[in-house]
Protein backbone atom coordinates (compact mmCIF):
# COMPACT_ATOMS: atom_id res chain seq x y z
CA MET A 1 103.00 77.97 105.85
CA GLN A 2 106.75 77.80 105.28
CA LYS A 3 108.84 77.63 108.45
CA ILE A 4 112.29 79.19 108.20
CA LYS A 5 114.58 78.09 111.04
CA LEU A 6 117.35 80.45 112.12
CA PHE A 7 120.13 79.93 114.66
CA LEU A 8 121.98 82.86 116.24
CA ALA A 9 125.44 82.19 117.68
CA SER A 10 127.52 84.64 119.69
CA SER A 11 129.44 84.99 122.92
CA SER A 12 127.88 86.28 126.13
CA GLU A 13 129.33 89.78 125.64
CA LEU A 14 126.73 90.50 122.91
CA LYS A 15 123.67 89.72 125.01
CA GLU A 16 121.98 93.05 124.22
CA ASP A 17 122.55 92.69 120.48
CA ARG A 18 121.10 89.16 120.59
CA GLU A 19 118.00 90.45 122.36
CA GLN A 20 117.53 93.25 119.82
CA PHE A 21 118.08 90.81 116.95
CA GLU A 22 115.44 88.51 118.42
CA ILE A 23 112.96 91.42 118.57
CA PHE A 24 113.74 92.26 114.94
CA ILE A 25 113.08 88.67 113.82
CA TYR A 26 109.78 88.66 115.72
CA ARG A 27 108.66 91.83 113.93
CA LYS A 28 109.76 90.50 110.54
CA CYS A 29 107.82 87.33 111.28
CA LYS A 30 104.69 89.38 112.03
CA ALA A 31 105.11 91.27 108.77
CA TRP A 32 105.45 88.07 106.76
CA PHE A 33 103.06 85.76 108.63
CA ASP A 34 100.03 86.65 106.49
CA ARG A 35 102.14 85.87 103.44
CA GLY A 36 102.77 82.30 104.56
CA ILE A 37 106.15 82.64 106.32
CA PHE A 38 106.99 81.79 109.94
CA LEU A 39 110.48 82.75 111.12
CA HIS A 40 111.68 80.57 114.01
CA LEU A 41 114.80 81.80 115.83
CA ASP A 42 116.90 79.67 118.20
CA ILE A 43 119.50 81.18 120.53
CA TRP A 44 121.45 79.31 123.15
CA GLU A 45 119.56 80.99 126.00
CA ASP A 46 116.42 79.17 124.83
CA PHE A 47 117.76 75.72 125.64
CA LEU A 48 117.01 73.92 128.87
CA ASP A 49 120.01 73.82 131.21
CA ALA A 50 119.69 70.10 131.76
CA MET A 51 122.08 67.24 131.23
CA ALA A 52 122.00 65.94 127.68
CA ALA A 53 123.67 62.93 126.14
CA GLY A 54 126.95 64.16 124.70
CA GLY A 55 126.62 67.47 126.54
CA LEU A 56 124.35 70.47 126.07
CA GLN A 57 126.54 71.82 123.29
CA SER A 58 125.66 68.73 121.26
CA GLU A 59 122.00 69.81 121.44
CA TYR A 60 122.92 73.19 119.96
CA ASN A 61 124.91 71.52 117.22
CA GLN A 62 122.00 69.28 116.20
CA VAL A 63 119.71 72.30 115.92
CA ILE A 64 122.34 74.09 113.83
CA LYS A 65 122.49 71.19 111.38
CA ALA A 66 118.71 71.40 110.87
CA CYS A 67 118.48 75.19 110.51
CA ASP A 68 117.98 77.11 107.26
CA ILE A 69 119.95 80.23 108.21
CA PHE A 70 122.92 80.50 110.59
CA VAL A 71 123.94 83.91 111.92
CA LEU A 72 127.12 84.53 113.92
CA LEU A 73 127.86 87.72 115.84
CA ALA A 74 131.39 88.48 117.04
CA PHE A 75 132.81 91.45 118.90
CA ASN A 76 135.96 91.38 121.01
CA LYS A 77 136.50 87.62 120.82
CA VAL A 78 135.27 84.37 119.31
CA GLY A 79 134.86 81.78 122.02
CA GLN A 80 135.39 78.06 121.75
CA TYR A 81 131.70 77.22 121.52
CA THR A 82 130.87 79.94 119.01
CA ALA A 83 133.70 78.71 116.78
CA GLU A 84 132.46 75.13 117.19
CA GLU A 85 128.92 76.16 116.21
CA PHE A 86 130.24 77.85 113.08
CA GLY A 87 132.20 74.71 112.24
CA HIS A 88 129.05 72.57 112.38
CA ALA A 89 127.11 75.09 110.28
CA PHE A 90 129.83 75.28 107.65
CA GLY A 91 130.23 71.50 107.57
CA GLN A 92 126.50 71.10 107.01
CA PHE A 93 126.58 73.75 104.29
CA SER A 94 129.47 72.00 102.52
CA ALA A 95 127.47 68.76 102.49
CA THR A 96 123.97 70.05 101.68
CA GLN A 97 124.32 73.73 100.59
CA LYS A 98 122.34 74.64 103.71
CA PRO A 99 122.20 76.60 106.00
CA PHE A 100 122.91 80.02 104.58
CA ILE A 101 125.68 81.47 106.76
CA PHE A 102 126.07 85.11 107.77
CA THR A 103 128.94 86.36 109.94
CA TYR A 104 128.79 89.82 111.49
CA PHE A 105 131.64 91.50 113.37
CA LYS A 106 130.86 94.46 115.59
CA THR A 107 133.35 97.34 115.54
CA PRO A 108 135.19 99.13 117.02
CA HIS A 109 136.61 96.77 119.61
CA THR A 110 136.40 97.72 123.27
CA THR A 111 139.12 95.45 124.62
CA THR A 112 142.89 95.35 124.63
CA ARG A 113 143.06 91.78 125.94
CA ARG A 114 145.48 90.12 123.58
CA GLU A 115 144.08 86.66 124.27
CA ASP A 116 140.58 87.72 123.21
CA LEU A 117 141.78 89.57 120.13
CA GLN A 118 143.92 86.63 119.06
CA SER A 119 140.82 84.41 119.05
CA LEU A 120 139.10 87.01 116.87
CA TRP A 121 142.04 87.26 114.46
CA ALA A 122 142.36 83.49 114.23
CA PHE A 123 138.68 83.18 113.36
CA GLU A 124 138.97 85.90 110.70
CA ASP A 125 141.90 84.02 109.17
CA LYS A 126 139.82 80.84 109.15
CA LEU A 127 137.00 82.63 107.31
CA LYS A 128 139.41 83.84 104.66
CA GLU A 129 140.74 80.31 104.15
CA LEU A 130 137.18 79.10 103.63
CA GLY A 131 136.43 81.92 101.20
CA HIS A 132 133.78 83.33 103.53
CA TYR A 133 134.17 86.98 104.49
CA LYS A 134 132.75 88.90 107.41
CA THR A 135 130.36 91.84 107.39
CA GLU A 136 131.07 94.63 109.85
CA TYR A 137 128.42 96.55 111.76
CA HIS A 138 128.68 99.43 114.22
CA THR A 139 125.17 99.57 115.68
CA ILE A 140 122.25 97.19 116.07
CA GLU A 141 120.36 99.37 113.60
CA GLY A 142 123.00 98.70 110.98
CA LEU A 143 122.87 94.97 111.68
CA ARG A 144 119.07 94.88 111.40
CA GLU A 145 119.06 96.84 108.15
CA HIS A 146 121.68 94.64 106.50
CA PHE A 147 120.14 91.35 107.58
CA SER A 148 116.64 92.52 106.63
CA ASN A 149 117.98 93.18 103.13
CA GLN A 150 119.46 89.68 103.05
CA LEU A 151 116.11 88.15 103.99
CA ASP A 152 114.45 90.16 101.24
CA LYS A 153 117.03 88.82 98.75
CA LEU A 154 116.33 85.26 99.88
CA ALA A 155 112.65 85.96 99.21
CA ALA A 156 113.47 87.45 95.81
CA ASN A 157 115.42 84.35 94.72
CA GLY A 158 112.63 82.03 95.87
CA PHE A 159 114.25 80.37 98.89
CA ILE A 160 111.72 82.14 101.10
CA ARG A 161 108.41 81.64 99.30
CA LEU A 162 106.22 84.63 100.06
CA ASP A 163 102.57 84.40 99.10
CA ALA A 164 101.26 87.25 96.96
CA ALA A 165 100.34 90.29 99.01
CA SER A 166 96.60 90.72 99.36
CA GLU A 167 95.17 93.63 97.39
CA PRO A 168 93.17 96.28 99.25
CA SER A 169 89.42 96.08 98.76
CA PRO A 170 88.15 98.42 96.03
CA SER A 171 86.66 101.63 97.35
CA THR A 172 82.89 101.96 97.30
CA SER A 173 83.10 105.75 97.11
CA PRO A 174 82.08 107.32 93.79
CA ALA A 175 84.92 108.17 91.44
CA ALA A 176 85.92 111.76 90.94
CA GLY A 177 83.49 113.53 88.64
CA GLN A 178 80.72 111.01 89.24
CA GLY A 179 77.68 112.01 91.27
CA THR A 180 75.35 110.09 93.48
CA THR A 181 71.58 109.93 93.36
CA ALA A 182 69.69 111.85 96.05
CA GLU A 183 66.01 111.64 96.84
CA VAL A 184 64.57 114.98 98.00
CA SER A 185 61.04 115.69 99.13
CA GLY A 186 59.27 118.95 99.85
CA THR A 187 59.79 122.32 98.21
CA GLY A 188 62.55 124.90 98.29
CA ASN A 189 65.29 122.28 98.69
CA LYS A 190 68.74 122.50 97.10
CA VAL A 191 71.08 119.53 96.84
CA TYR A 192 74.82 119.87 96.18
CA GLN A 193 76.85 116.80 95.27
CA ASN A 194 80.59 116.00 95.05
CA VAL A 195 81.56 119.11 97.00
CA ARG A 196 85.24 119.37 98.04
CA ASP A 197 86.97 122.15 99.96
CA SER A 198 84.44 124.79 98.98
CA THR A 199 82.48 127.68 100.38
CA ILE A 200 78.82 127.89 99.36
CA THR A 201 76.73 131.03 99.82
CA ASP A 202 73.00 130.42 99.60
CA SER A 203 70.21 132.82 100.63
CA SER A 204 72.65 135.05 102.52
CA LYS A 205 73.94 132.03 104.42
CA THR A 206 77.52 130.82 104.00
CA TYR A 207 78.42 127.14 104.37
CA HIS A 208 82.04 126.06 104.62
CA ILE A 209 82.40 122.55 103.18
CA LYS A 210 85.65 120.70 103.84
CA LYS A 211 84.78 117.37 102.27
CA ILE A 212 81.39 115.85 101.55
CA ASP A 213 79.94 113.80 98.73
CA GLN A 214 76.47 115.19 99.15
CA ALA A 215 75.05 118.21 100.98
CA ARG A 216 71.42 119.07 101.41
CA PHE A 217 70.26 122.49 102.57
CA GLU A 218 66.61 123.30 103.40
């Protein structure tokens, strides 16, 4: 079983999107579990609100350094802690080529607060300097679709190692055109085999057959 660790960073204003993203990851994990993949998602709400050496933010940062995939969501602003989390993820990537980093910006904006927008613009400028560009999304459905495609690409290039999909069990039903063997006793019996969507008239009686491999009339 390969465990893929993801960290989702965003400000409090995107609480609903974080919840929907978490549900999406859970469903993707269910779909891939039988193929040897467990997706583990960390969000800051999961952490215990207890005093930690160096501060609680330091706990987040340590988890970020150990994750495989880092996802950042931004909307009307990029807060101090979200920017700090990105900095740790990018620093770790520069040193080890991991984690994979995805930045998503929700549009259109719903604020005119210049202070918030300036934090957003400053972060966009920082991404450009680093050669890392944002992906815009308008709805949670668009975000899920795009990120699902990215996970599939990571599987295609071998970073996510999916086991081969199990093949369905071969059918035990006779192939088309092949009959079955029927044992009939007594006299005056008639046996019809491999009957599909037919009407049979026999001795002034009409039988409507939708689907049956073998019919016996006495």
